[in-house]
Amino acid sequence: MTVVDERPDITPDAPKPVFEGTKRRGEQFMLYSFVIVPFLAFLAAVPVAWGWGMNWTDVVLVVVFYYVSGLGITVGYHRLFTHGSFKANRPLRIAVAIAGSMAIEGPVIRWVADHRRHHAYSDRDGDPHSPWRYGETTGALMKGLFWAHLGWMFDENHTNREKYTPDLMRDRDIRIVDTLFPVWLLLSMLLPPAIAGLVRLSWGAALSAFFWASLVRIFLLHHVTWSINSICHAIGERPFQARDKSANFWPLAILSFGESWHNMHHADPTAARHGVLRGQLDASARVIWLFEKFGWATDVRWPKAERLAKLRVDPA
């Protein structure tokens, strides 16, 4: 088995600029499209569900595509490529990069560059999406929460990939997956209706699946992901020592696959498991555990009890 060492080797103090240019009009148009259109679909979801509801094909496709693309973000984009929480063999690296791309949150290298910059400056000047950007008054926090949740994506500046993701820029497989992002976007949007249409031999079924398993699924996944940037840096418990205001927010634990145990993540960013306390569900960690059992993942950085004890604010 060939295993690639993808541990991040970025050098934050290297004399490279933080930004590498600005977004083109086409990029901004696509951003607006994939924020506004799924939102409109979500607004229509209640009357649509009241009118004819979801069929079993829609339910299965929503769940399958939500899990595949969502775990592609949490296990692939985040824990593997951003933080090097484990090593993966070549097929797994490619697979999770494609799966994450199907969440339509941007190409893998761009996503990782933004997230590494977030950790470099978390909740300080330079953080691309801190809810504390405008201050700590109620009004400032409300404005900051909107910025952290959604507004930051429309900042015209691009994070410098050469500065923050030189390891991924050197990885031929990941560069190809990154370049083919429009293909994964189309597959993410068109596979659900294609499958439903073929299974039920109905254009109506295809349209219903496009509505639920493409548009509404993307809306839900996006807002769960964005909530980690906004809510999980403002509200929740902070049982571990971190340099920022990251917090654990339990209501999002299942939908975010364990990403909402965010205080632990910022206290120990390279740990493969974020939900480390009793009752903290972490589906992403369970998937990494399975990959390890199959021999596809190695050198998994599981949290160590002694380190957790040192990081606890109140170990009692």
C-alpha atoms as a PDB file:
ATOM      1  CA  MET A   1       0.000   0.000   0.000  1.00  0.00           C
ATOM      2  CA  THR A   2       1.328   3.385  -0.977  1.00  0.00           C
ATOM      3  CA  VAL A   3       0.763   6.019   1.698  1.00  0.00           C
ATOM      4  CA  VAL A   4       1.320   9.685   1.026  1.00  0.00           C
ATOM      5  CA  ASP A   5       2.579  11.910   3.820  1.00  0.00           C
ATOM      6  CA  GLU A   6       0.296  14.914   3.639  1.00  0.00           C
ATOM      7  CA  ARG A   7       1.301  16.595   6.914  1.00  0.00           C
ATOM      8  CA  PRO A   8       1.016  20.330   6.384  1.00  0.00           C
ATOM      9  CA  ASP A   9       4.451  21.914   6.097  1.00  0.00           C
ATOM     10  CA  ILE A  10       3.386  25.520   5.700  1.00  0.00           C
ATOM     11  CA  THR A  11       5.673  28.227   7.027  1.00  0.00           C
ATOM     12  CA  PRO A  12       3.521  31.109   8.314  1.00  0.00           C
ATOM     13  CA  ASP A  13       6.569  33.388   8.663  1.00  0.00           C
ATOM     14  CA  ALA A  14       7.687  32.925   5.060  1.00  0.00           C
ATOM     15  CA  PRO A  15       7.939  36.244   3.195  1.00  0.00           C
ATOM     16  CA  LYS A  16       4.877  35.624   1.035  1.00  0.00           C
ATOM     17  CA  PRO A  17       1.796  37.850   0.948  1.00  0.00           C
ATOM     18  CA  VAL A  18      -1.401  36.695   2.644  1.00  0.00           C
ATOM     19  CA  PHE A  19      -3.440  37.316  -0.518  1.00  0.00           C
ATOM     20  CA  GLU A  20      -2.776  36.272  -4.095  1.00  0.00           C
ATOM     21  CA  GLY A  21      -5.229  38.426  -6.026  1.00  0.00           C
ATOM     22  CA  THR A  22      -8.944  39.090  -6.219  1.00  0.00           C
ATOM     23  CA  LYS A  23     -11.959  37.051  -7.242  1.00  0.00           C
ATOM     24  CA  ARG A  24     -13.069  37.347 -10.863  1.00  0.00           C
ATOM     25  CA  ARG A  25     -16.628  38.337 -11.793  1.00  0.00           C
ATOM     26  CA  GLY A  26     -17.419  34.782 -12.771  1.00  0.00           C
ATOM     27  CA  GLU A  27     -16.339  33.497  -9.360  1.00  0.00           C
ATOM     28  CA  GLN A  28     -18.473  36.076  -7.599  1.00  0.00           C
ATOM     29  CA  PHE A  29     -21.454  35.199  -9.807  1.00  0.00           C
ATOM     30  CA  MET A  30     -21.086  31.501  -8.970  1.00  0.00           C
ATOM     31  CA  LEU A  31     -20.833  32.318  -5.272  1.00  0.00           C
ATOM     32  CA  TYR A  32     -24.033  34.330  -5.349  1.00  0.00           C
ATOM     33  CA  SER A  33     -25.766  31.607  -7.365  1.00  0.00           C
ATOM     34  CA  PHE A  34     -24.896  28.816  -4.953  1.00  0.00           C
ATOM     35  CA  VAL A  35     -25.923  30.891  -1.948  1.00  0.00           C
ATOM     36  CA  ILE A  36     -29.150  32.383  -3.270  1.00  0.00           C
ATOM     37  CA  VAL A  37     -30.624  29.519  -5.344  1.00  0.00           C
ATOM     38  CA  PRO A  38     -30.449  26.842  -2.593  1.00  0.00           C
ATOM     39  CA  PHE A  39     -31.816  29.441  -0.150  1.00  0.00           C
ATOM     40  CA  LEU A  40     -34.823  30.042  -2.403  1.00  0.00           C
ATOM     41  CA  ALA A  41     -35.297  26.285  -2.676  1.00  0.00           C
ATOM     42  CA  PHE A  42     -35.261  25.997   1.114  1.00  0.00           C
ATOM     43  CA  LEU A  43     -37.897  28.733   1.404  1.00  0.00           C
ATOM     44  CA  ALA A  44     -40.042  26.739  -1.007  1.00  0.00           C
ATOM     45  CA  ALA A  45     -39.447  23.465   0.845  1.00  0.00           C
ATOM     46  CA  VAL A  46     -42.299  23.847   3.337  1.00  0.00           C
ATOM     47  CA  PRO A  47     -45.084  24.557   0.820  1.00  0.00           C
ATOM     48  CA  VAL A  48     -43.641  21.966  -1.544  1.00  0.00           C
ATOM     49  CA  ALA A  49     -43.560  19.339   1.196  1.00  0.00           C
ATOM     50  CA  TRP A  50     -47.120  20.266   2.146  1.00  0.00           C
ATOM     51  CA  GLY A  51     -48.207  19.952  -1.464  1.00  0.00           C
ATOM     52  CA  TRP A  52     -46.720  16.589  -2.459  1.00  0.00           C
ATOM     53  CA  GLY A  53     -44.027  15.742   0.084  1.00  0.00           C
ATOM     54  CA  MET A  54     -40.929  13.624  -0.359  1.00  0.00           C
ATOM     55  CA  ASN A  55     -40.889  10.120  -1.719  1.00  0.00           C
ATOM     56  CA  TRP A  56     -38.572   7.388  -0.438  1.00  0.00           C
ATOM     57  CA  THR A  57     -36.151   7.995  -3.323  1.00  0.00           C
ATOM     58  CA  ASP A  58     -35.782  11.630  -2.293  1.00  0.00           C
ATOM     59  CA  VAL A  59     -35.127  10.679   1.336  1.00  0.00           C
ATOM     60  CA  VAL A  60     -32.466   8.106   0.445  1.00  0.00           C
ATOM     61  CA  LEU A  61     -30.721  10.455  -1.990  1.00  0.00           C
ATOM     62  CA  VAL A  62     -30.736  13.373   0.471  1.00  0.00           C
ATOM     63  CA  VAL A  63     -29.179  11.216   3.194  1.00  0.00           C
ATOM     64  CA  VAL A  64     -26.603   9.548   0.924  1.00  0.00           C
ATOM     65  CA  PHE A  65     -25.434  12.728  -0.797  1.00  0.00           C
ATOM     66  CA  TYR A  66     -25.482  14.720   2.466  1.00  0.00           C
ATOM     67  CA  TYR A  67     -23.272  12.121   4.139  1.00  0.00           C
ATOM     68  CA  VAL A  68     -20.891  11.625   1.211  1.00  0.00           C
ATOM     69  CA  SER A  69     -20.328  15.320   0.558  1.00  0.00           C
ATOM     70  CA  GLY A  70     -20.448  16.330   4.235  1.00  0.00           C
ATOM     71  CA  LEU A  71     -17.921  13.707   5.324  1.00  0.00           C
ATOM     72  CA  GLY A  72     -15.831  14.683   2.310  1.00  0.00           C
ATOM     73  CA  ILE A  73     -15.557  18.120   3.928  1.00  0.00           C
ATOM     74  CA  THR A  74     -15.022  17.029   7.533  1.00  0.00           C
ATOM     75  CA  VAL A  75     -12.800  13.982   7.009  1.00  0.00           C
ATOM     76  CA  GLY A  76     -11.150  15.046   3.757  1.00  0.00           C
ATOM     77  CA  TYR A  77     -10.927  18.807   3.362  1.00  0.00           C
ATOM     78  CA  HIS A  78     -10.639  19.477   7.101  1.00  0.00           C
ATOM     79  CA  ARG A  79      -9.034  16.705   9.135  1.00  0.00           C
ATOM     80  CA  LEU A  80      -6.871  15.187   6.374  1.00  0.00           C
ATOM     81  CA  PHE A  81      -5.823  17.995   4.036  1.00  0.00           C
ATOM     82  CA  THR A  82      -5.929  20.996   6.372  1.00  0.00           C
ATOM     83  CA  HIS A  83      -4.555  19.471   9.571  1.00  0.00           C
ATOM     84  CA  GLY A  84      -2.895  16.182   8.604  1.00  0.00           C
ATOM     85  CA  SER A  85      -4.765  14.281  11.329  1.00  0.00           C
ATOM     86  CA  PHE A  86      -3.902  11.037   9.551  1.00  0.00           C
ATOM     87  CA  LYS A  87      -2.099   9.728   6.499  1.00  0.00           C
ATOM     88  CA  ALA A  88      -4.139   8.220   3.653  1.00  0.00           C
ATOM     89  CA  ASN A  89      -3.299   5.988   0.738  1.00  0.00           C
ATOM     90  CA  ARG A  90      -3.623   7.465  -2.732  1.00  0.00           C
ATOM     91  CA  PRO A  91      -7.126   6.161  -3.613  1.00  0.00           C
ATOM     92  CA  LEU A  92      -8.527   7.432  -0.300  1.00  0.00           C
ATOM     93  CA  ARG A  93      -6.928  10.870  -0.727  1.00  0.00           C
ATOM     94  CA  ILE A  94      -8.439  11.230  -4.181  1.00  0.00           C
ATOM     95  CA  ALA A  95     -11.834   9.880  -3.078  1.00  0.00           C
ATOM     96  CA  VAL A  96     -12.259  12.218  -0.095  1.00  0.00           C
ATOM     97  CA  ALA A  97     -11.045  15.201  -2.152  1.00  0.00           C
ATOM     98  CA  ILE A  98     -13.746  14.473  -4.750  1.00  0.00           C
ATOM     99  CA  ALA A  99     -16.384  13.842  -2.078  1.00  0.00           C
ATOM    100  CA  GLY A 100     -15.553  17.161  -0.396  1.00  0.00           C
ATOM    101  CA  SER A 101     -15.722  18.942  -3.741  1.00  0.00           C
ATOM    102  CA  MET A 102     -19.290  17.666  -4.131  1.00  0.00           C
ATOM    103  CA  ALA A 103     -20.289  19.751  -1.099  1.00  0.00           C
ATOM    104  CA  ILE A 104     -19.826  22.742  -3.436  1.00  0.00           C
ATOM    105  CA  GLU A 105     -17.864  24.752  -0.866  1.00  0.00           C
ATOM    106  CA  GLY A 106     -15.050  25.489  -3.294  1.00  0.00           C
ATOM    107  CA  PRO A 107     -12.018  23.677  -4.726  1.00  0.00           C
ATOM    108  CA  VAL A 108     -10.025  21.707  -2.170  1.00  0.00           C
ATOM    109  CA  ILE A 109      -6.813  23.783  -2.261  1.00  0.00           C
ATOM    110  CA  ARG A 110      -8.693  27.076  -1.972  1.00  0.00           C
ATOM    111  CA  TRP A 111     -10.777  25.743   0.938  1.00  0.00           C
ATOM    112  CA  VAL A 112      -7.714  24.476   2.796  1.00  0.00           C
ATOM    113  CA  ALA A 113      -5.813  27.736   2.262  1.00  0.00           C
ATOM    114  CA  ASP A 114      -8.679  29.737   3.794  1.00  0.00           C
ATOM    115  CA  HIS A 115      -8.966  27.372   6.733  1.00  0.00           C
ATOM    116  CA  ARG A 116      -5.265  27.328   7.505  1.00  0.00           C
ATOM    117  CA  ARG A 117      -5.334  31.131   7.485  1.00  0.00           C
ATOM    118  CA  HIS A 118      -8.264  30.965   9.905  1.00  0.00           C
ATOM    119  CA  HIS A 119      -6.202  28.889  12.341  1.00  0.00           C
ATOM    120  CA  ALA A 120      -3.166  31.119  11.941  1.00  0.00           C
ATOM    121  CA  TYR A 121      -5.171  34.190  13.047  1.00  0.00           C
ATOM    122  CA  SER A 122      -8.205  32.700  14.806  1.00  0.00           C
ATOM    123  CA  ASP A 123     -10.444  35.477  16.208  1.00  0.00           C
ATOM    124  CA  ARG A 124      -7.711  38.064  15.581  1.00  0.00           C
ATOM    125  CA  ASP A 125      -6.927  40.462  12.763  1.00  0.00           C
ATOM    126  CA  GLY A 126      -6.290  38.340   9.707  1.00  0.00           C
ATOM    127  CA  ASP A 127      -8.911  35.684  10.475  1.00  0.00           C
ATOM    128  CA  PRO A 128     -11.085  35.460   7.342  1.00  0.00           C
ATOM    129  CA  HIS A 129     -14.287  34.696   9.268  1.00  0.00           C
ATOM    130  CA  SER A 130     -14.285  35.640  12.940  1.00  0.00           C
ATOM    131  CA  PRO A 131     -17.656  36.754  14.405  1.00  0.00           C
ATOM    132  CA  TRP A 132     -15.687  39.118  16.684  1.00  0.00           C
ATOM    133  CA  ARG A 133     -14.422  41.116  13.695  1.00  0.00           C
ATOM    134  CA  TYR A 134     -16.393  44.251  14.603  1.00  0.00           C
ATOM    135  CA  GLY A 135     -16.194  44.145  18.408  1.00  0.00           C
ATOM    136  CA  GLU A 136     -17.982  42.607  21.370  1.00  0.00           C
ATOM    137  CA  THR A 137     -21.111  44.740  21.737  1.00  0.00           C
ATOM    138  CA  THR A 138     -24.434  43.117  20.849  1.00  0.00           C
ATOM    139  CA  GLY A 139     -24.726  45.062  17.618  1.00  0.00           C
ATOM    140  CA  ALA A 140     -21.141  44.367  16.628  1.00  0.00           C
ATOM    141  CA  LEU A 141     -21.544  40.654  17.358  1.00  0.00           C
ATOM    142  CA  MET A 142     -24.732  40.421  15.274  1.00  0.00           C
ATOM    143  CA  LYS A 143     -22.886  42.032  12.382  1.00  0.00           C
ATOM    144  CA  GLY A 144     -19.896  39.798  13.002  1.00  0.00           C
ATOM    145  CA  LEU A 145     -22.019  36.644  13.069  1.00  0.00           C
ATOM    146  CA  PHE A 146     -23.388  37.461   9.621  1.00  0.00           C
ATOM    147  CA  TRP A 147     -19.861  38.111   8.366  1.00  0.00           C
ATOM    148  CA  ALA A 148     -18.513  34.857   9.828  1.00  0.00           C
ATOM    149  CA  HIS A 149     -21.461  32.831   8.579  1.00  0.00           C
ATOM    150  CA  LEU A 150     -21.751  34.130   5.048  1.00  0.00           C
ATOM    151  CA  GLY A 151     -20.374  37.586   4.315  1.00  0.00           C
ATOM    152  CA  TRP A 152     -16.675  36.669   4.371  1.00  0.00           C
ATOM    153  CA  MET A 153     -17.009  34.530   1.247  1.00  0.00           C
ATOM    154  CA  PHE A 154     -17.721  37.630  -0.827  1.00  0.00           C
ATOM    155  CA  ASP A 155     -14.480  39.320   0.205  1.00  0.00           C
ATOM    156  CA  GLU A 156     -12.771  39.968  -3.113  1.00  0.00           C
ATOM    157  CA  ASN A 157      -9.338  38.853  -1.872  1.00  0.00           C
ATOM    158  CA  HIS A 158      -8.036  35.318  -2.402  1.00  0.00           C
ATOM    159  CA  THR A 159      -5.913  33.655   0.288  1.00  0.00           C
ATOM    160  CA  ASN A 160      -2.413  32.988  -1.058  1.00  0.00           C
ATOM    161  CA  ARG A 161      -2.228  29.255  -1.769  1.00  0.00           C
ATOM    162  CA  GLU A 162       1.558  29.317  -2.220  1.00  0.00           C
ATOM    163  CA  LYS A 163       1.881  30.593   1.338  1.00  0.00           C
ATOM    164  CA  TYR A 164      -0.663  28.354   3.066  1.00  0.00           C
ATOM    165  CA  THR A 165      -0.909  25.206   0.914  1.00  0.00           C
ATOM    166  CA  PRO A 166       2.492  24.543  -0.713  1.00  0.00           C
ATOM    167  CA  ASP A 167       2.154  20.836   0.134  1.00  0.00           C
ATOM    168  CA  LEU A 168      -1.121  20.510  -1.778  1.00  0.00           C
ATOM    169  CA  MET A 169       0.175  22.621  -4.669  1.00  0.00           C
ATOM    170  CA  ARG A 170       2.937  20.022  -5.081  1.00  0.00           C
ATOM    171  CA  ASP A 171       0.486  17.094  -5.025  1.00  0.00           C
ATOM    172  CA  ARG A 172      -0.390  16.241  -8.632  1.00  0.00           C
ATOM    173  CA  ASP A 173      -3.502  14.224  -7.721  1.00  0.00           C
ATOM    174  CA  ILE A 174      -4.950  16.975  -5.542  1.00  0.00           C
ATOM    175  CA  ARG A 175      -4.148  19.641  -8.133  1.00  0.00           C
ATOM    176  CA  ILE A 176      -6.119  17.671 -10.732  1.00  0.00           C
ATOM    177  CA  VAL A 177      -9.095  17.217  -8.397  1.00  0.00           C
ATOM    178  CA  ASP A 178      -8.910  20.933  -7.591  1.00  0.00           C
ATOM    179  CA  THR A 179      -8.841  21.925 -11.283  1.00  0.00           C
ATOM    180  CA  LEU A 180     -11.812  19.668 -12.072  1.00  0.00           C
ATOM    181  CA  PHE A 181     -14.016  21.308  -9.422  1.00  0.00           C
ATOM    182  CA  PRO A 182     -16.667  22.335 -12.015  1.00  0.00           C
ATOM    183  CA  VAL A 183     -17.059  18.659 -12.931  1.00  0.00           C
ATOM    184  CA  TRP A 184     -17.653  17.610  -9.312  1.00  0.00           C
ATOM    185  CA  LEU A 185     -20.087  20.519  -8.916  1.00  0.00           C
ATOM    186  CA  LEU A 186     -22.150  19.313 -11.872  1.00  0.00           C
ATOM    187  CA  LEU A 187     -22.072  15.715 -10.656  1.00  0.00           C
ATOM    188  CA  SER A 188     -23.244  16.807  -7.208  1.00  0.00           C
ATOM    189  CA  MET A 189     -26.187  18.669  -8.709  1.00  0.00           C
ATOM    190  CA  LEU A 190     -27.137  16.272 -11.509  1.00  0.00           C
ATOM    191  CA  LEU A 191     -26.500  12.786 -10.111  1.00  0.00           C
ATOM    192  CA  PRO A 192     -29.476  12.842  -7.677  1.00  0.00           C
ATOM    193  CA  PRO A 193     -32.076  13.661 -10.366  1.00  0.00           C
ATOM    194  CA  ALA A 194     -30.436  11.261 -12.800  1.00  0.00           C
ATOM    195  CA  ILE A 195     -30.575   8.409 -10.291  1.00  0.00           C
ATOM    196  CA  ALA A 196     -34.152   9.185  -9.242  1.00  0.00           C
ATOM    197  CA  GLY A 197     -35.303   9.476 -12.849  1.00  0.00           C
ATOM    198  CA  LEU A 198     -33.782   6.106 -13.749  1.00  0.00           C
ATOM    199  CA  VAL A 199     -35.055   4.349 -10.609  1.00  0.00           C
ATOM    200  CA  ARG A 200     -38.641   5.599 -10.953  1.00  0.00           C
ATOM    201  CA  LEU A 201     -38.656   6.139 -14.741  1.00  0.00           C
ATOM    202  CA  SER A 202     -40.192   9.550 -14.218  1.00  0.00           C
ATOM    203  CA  TRP A 203     -39.232  13.126 -15.081  1.00  0.00           C
ATOM    204  CA  GLY A 204     -41.283  14.194 -12.078  1.00  0.00           C
ATOM    205  CA  ALA A 205     -39.156  12.037  -9.804  1.00  0.00           C
ATOM    206  CA  ALA A 206     -36.020  13.542 -11.327  1.00  0.00           C
ATOM    207  CA  LEU A 207     -37.312  17.054 -10.688  1.00  0.00           C
ATOM    208  CA  SER A 208     -38.278  16.186  -7.121  1.00  0.00           C
ATOM    209  CA  ALA A 209     -34.817  14.734  -6.433  1.00  0.00           C
ATOM    210  CA  PHE A 210     -33.168  17.820  -7.923  1.00  0.00           C
ATOM    211  CA  PHE A 211     -35.189  19.979  -5.549  1.00  0.00           C
ATOM    212  CA  TRP A 212     -34.579  17.917  -2.386  1.00  0.00           C
ATOM    213  CA  ALA A 213     -31.306  16.040  -2.890  1.00  0.00           C
ATOM    214  CA  SER A 214     -29.508  18.767  -4.828  1.00  0.00           C
ATOM    215  CA  LEU A 215     -30.789  22.218  -3.851  1.00  0.00           C
ATOM    216  CA  VAL A 216     -32.173  21.696  -0.333  1.00  0.00           C
ATOM    217  CA  ARG A 217     -29.362  19.280   0.580  1.00  0.00           C
ATOM    218  CA  ILE A 218     -26.715  21.827  -0.497  1.00  0.00           C
ATOM    219  CA  PHE A 219     -28.489  24.590   1.433  1.00  0.00           C
ATOM    220  CA  LEU A 220     -28.568  22.533   4.629  1.00  0.00           C
ATOM    221  CA  LEU A 221     -24.967  21.351   4.330  1.00  0.00           C
ATOM    222  CA  HIS A 222     -23.681  24.840   3.581  1.00  0.00           C
ATOM    223  CA  HIS A 223     -25.388  26.416   6.559  1.00  0.00           C
ATOM    224  CA  VAL A 224     -24.250  23.677   8.913  1.00  0.00           C
ATOM    225  CA  THR A 225     -20.662  24.218   7.736  1.00  0.00           C
ATOM    226  CA  TRP A 226     -20.943  27.995   7.973  1.00  0.00           C
ATOM    227  CA  SER A 227     -22.410  27.687  11.466  1.00  0.00           C
ATOM    228  CA  ILE A 228     -19.116  26.197  12.646  1.00  0.00           C
ATOM    229  CA  ASN A 229     -17.459  29.482  11.599  1.00  0.00           C
ATOM    230  CA  SER A 230     -20.096  31.685  13.213  1.00  0.00           C
ATOM    231  CA  ILE A 231     -22.023  30.019  16.055  1.00  0.00           C
ATOM    232  CA  CYS A 232     -19.130  27.848  17.241  1.00  0.00           C
ATOM    233  CA  HIS A 233     -16.950  30.916  17.762  1.00  0.00           C
ATOM    234  CA  ALA A 234     -19.602  32.750  19.766  1.00  0.00           C
ATOM    235  CA  ILE A 235     -21.901  30.392  21.691  1.00  0.00           C
ATOM    236  CA  GLY A 236     -21.300  27.227  23.677  1.00  0.00           C
ATOM    237  CA  GLU A 237     -19.050  25.613  26.252  1.00  0.00           C
ATOM    238  CA  ARG A 238     -15.275  25.972  26.437  1.00  0.00           C
ATOM    239  CA  PRO A 239     -13.926  23.047  28.495  1.00  0.00           C
ATOM    240  CA  PHE A 240     -10.475  23.193  26.865  1.00  0.00           C
ATOM    241  CA  GLN A 241      -7.844  25.912  26.716  1.00  0.00           C
ATOM    242  CA  ALA A 242      -7.655  27.590  23.321  1.00  0.00           C
ATOM    243  CA  ARG A 243      -6.170  30.867  22.118  1.00  0.00           C
ATOM    244  CA  ASP A 244      -9.507  32.044  20.716  1.00  0.00           C
ATOM    245  CA  LYS A 245     -13.234  32.036  21.449  1.00  0.00           C
ATOM    246  CA  SER A 246     -13.986  28.646  19.871  1.00  0.00           C
ATOM    247  CA  ALA A 247     -16.787  26.768  21.637  1.00  0.00           C
ATOM    248  CA  ASN A 248     -18.563  23.407  21.673  1.00  0.00           C
ATOM    249  CA  PHE A 249     -22.168  23.681  20.423  1.00  0.00           C
ATOM    250  CA  TRP A 250     -23.896  20.324  20.928  1.00  0.00           C
ATOM    251  CA  PRO A 251     -27.072  20.891  18.823  1.00  0.00           C
ATOM    252  CA  LEU A 252     -24.975  20.763  15.638  1.00  0.00           C
ATOM    253  CA  ALA A 253     -22.976  17.643  16.540  1.00  0.00           C
ATOM    254  CA  ILE A 254     -24.940  15.154  14.419  1.00  0.00           C
ATOM    255  CA  LEU A 255     -25.530  17.338  11.361  1.00  0.00           C
ATOM    256  CA  SER A 256     -21.887  18.513  11.366  1.00  0.00           C
ATOM    257  CA  PHE A 257     -20.459  14.990  11.849  1.00  0.00           C
ATOM    258  CA  GLY A 258     -18.699  16.065  15.062  1.00  0.00           C
ATOM    259  CA  GLU A 259     -17.277  19.369  13.827  1.00  0.00           C
ATOM    260  CA  SER A 260     -19.237  21.402  16.361  1.00  0.00           C
ATOM    261  CA  TRP A 261     -17.000  20.165  19.198  1.00  0.00           C
ATOM    262  CA  HIS A 262     -15.025  23.155  18.048  1.00  0.00           C
ATOM    263  CA  ASN A 263     -13.357  24.189  21.290  1.00  0.00           C
ATOM    264  CA  MET A 264     -11.538  20.867  21.468  1.00  0.00           C
ATOM    265  CA  HIS A 265     -10.535  21.209  17.811  1.00  0.00           C
ATOM    266  CA  HIS A 266      -8.921  24.614  18.359  1.00  0.00           C
ATOM    267  CA  ALA A 267      -7.250  23.411  21.545  1.00  0.00           C
ATOM    268  CA  ASP A 268      -5.653  20.497  19.647  1.00  0.00           C
ATOM    269  CA  PRO A 269      -6.086  21.167  15.884  1.00  0.00           C
ATOM    270  CA  THR A 270      -4.336  18.053  14.544  1.00  0.00           C
ATOM    271  CA  ALA A 271      -6.389  15.596  16.628  1.00  0.00           C
ATOM    272  CA  ALA A 272      -8.436  13.199  14.508  1.00  0.00           C
ATOM    273  CA  ARG A 273     -11.286  13.159  17.051  1.00  0.00           C
ATOM    274  CA  HIS A 274     -13.015  16.343  18.177  1.00  0.00           C
ATOM    275  CA  GLY A 275     -15.710  14.848  20.412  1.00  0.00           C
ATOM    276  CA  VAL A 276     -13.558  13.517  23.254  1.00  0.00           C
ATOM    277  CA  LEU A 277     -15.835  13.826  26.280  1.00  0.00           C
ATOM    278  CA  ARG A 278     -18.584  11.432  27.356  1.00  0.00           C
ATOM    279  CA  GLY A 279     -21.601  11.552  25.045  1.00  0.00           C
ATOM    280  CA  GLN A 280     -19.929  13.683  22.362  1.00  0.00           C
ATOM    281  CA  LEU A 281     -20.828  12.032  19.052  1.00  0.00           C
ATOM    282  CA  ASP A 282     -18.209  12.422  16.317  1.00  0.00           C
ATOM    283  CA  ALA A 283     -19.148  10.604  13.114  1.00  0.00           C
ATOM    284  CA  SER A 284     -16.058  11.893  11.288  1.00  0.00           C
ATOM    285  CA  ALA A 285     -13.764  10.278  13.859  1.00  0.00           C
ATOM    286  CA  ARG A 286     -15.670   6.997  13.496  1.00  0.00           C
ATOM    287  CA  VAL A 287     -15.177   7.088   9.722  1.00  0.00           C
ATOM    288  CA  ILE A 288     -11.438   7.714  10.170  1.00  0.00           C
ATOM    289  CA  TRP A 289     -11.372   4.777  12.613  1.00  0.00           C
ATOM    290  CA  LEU A 290     -12.940   2.563   9.933  1.00  0.00           C
ATOM    291  CA  PHE A 291     -10.404   3.747   7.358  1.00  0.00           C
ATOM    292  CA  GLU A 292      -7.668   2.835   9.824  1.00  0.00           C
ATOM    293  CA  LYS A 293      -9.143  -0.625  10.383  1.00  0.00           C
ATOM    294  CA  PHE A 294      -9.245  -1.241   6.615  1.00  0.00           C
ATOM    295  CA  GLY A 295      -5.614  -0.163   6.358  1.00  0.00           C
ATOM    296  CA  TRP A 296      -6.406   2.843   4.169  1.00  0.00           C
ATOM    297  CA  ALA A 297      -5.412   5.362   6.875  1.00  0.00           C
ATOM    298  CA  THR A 298      -2.298   5.229   9.033  1.00  0.00           C
ATOM    299  CA  ASP A 299      -0.559   7.341  11.678  1.00  0.00           C
ATOM    300  CA  VAL A 300      -3.900   8.594  12.958  1.00  0.00           C
ATOM    301  CA  ARG A 301      -3.416  11.293  15.570  1.00  0.00           C
ATOM    302  CA  TRP A 302      -5.913  10.122  18.178  1.00  0.00           C
ATOM    303  CA  PRO A 303      -6.150  12.403  21.235  1.00  0.00           C
ATOM    304  CA  LYS A 304      -4.067  11.234  24.198  1.00  0.00           C
ATOM    305  CA  ALA A 305      -5.525  11.245  27.706  1.00  0.00           C
ATOM    306  CA  GLU A 306      -2.534  13.008  29.247  1.00  0.00           C
ATOM    307  CA  ARG A 307      -2.666  15.820  26.698  1.00  0.00           C
ATOM    308  CA  LEU A 308      -6.419  16.239  27.146  1.00  0.00           C
ATOM    309  CA  ALA A 309      -5.893  16.480  30.893  1.00  0.00           C
ATOM    310  CA  LYS A 310      -3.398  19.317  30.415  1.00  0.00           C
ATOM    311  CA  LEU A 311      -5.777  21.144  28.076  1.00  0.00           C
ATOM    312  CA  ARG A 312      -8.833  20.903  30.334  1.00  0.00           C
ATOM    313  CA  VAL A 313      -9.948  24.159  31.919  1.00  0.00           C
ATOM    314  CA  ASP A 314     -11.645  22.235  34.719  1.00  0.00           C
ATOM    315  CA  PRO A 315     -10.648  18.548  34.683  1.00  0.00           C
ATOM    316  CA  ALA A 316     -13.047  17.714  37.492  1.00  0.00           C
END
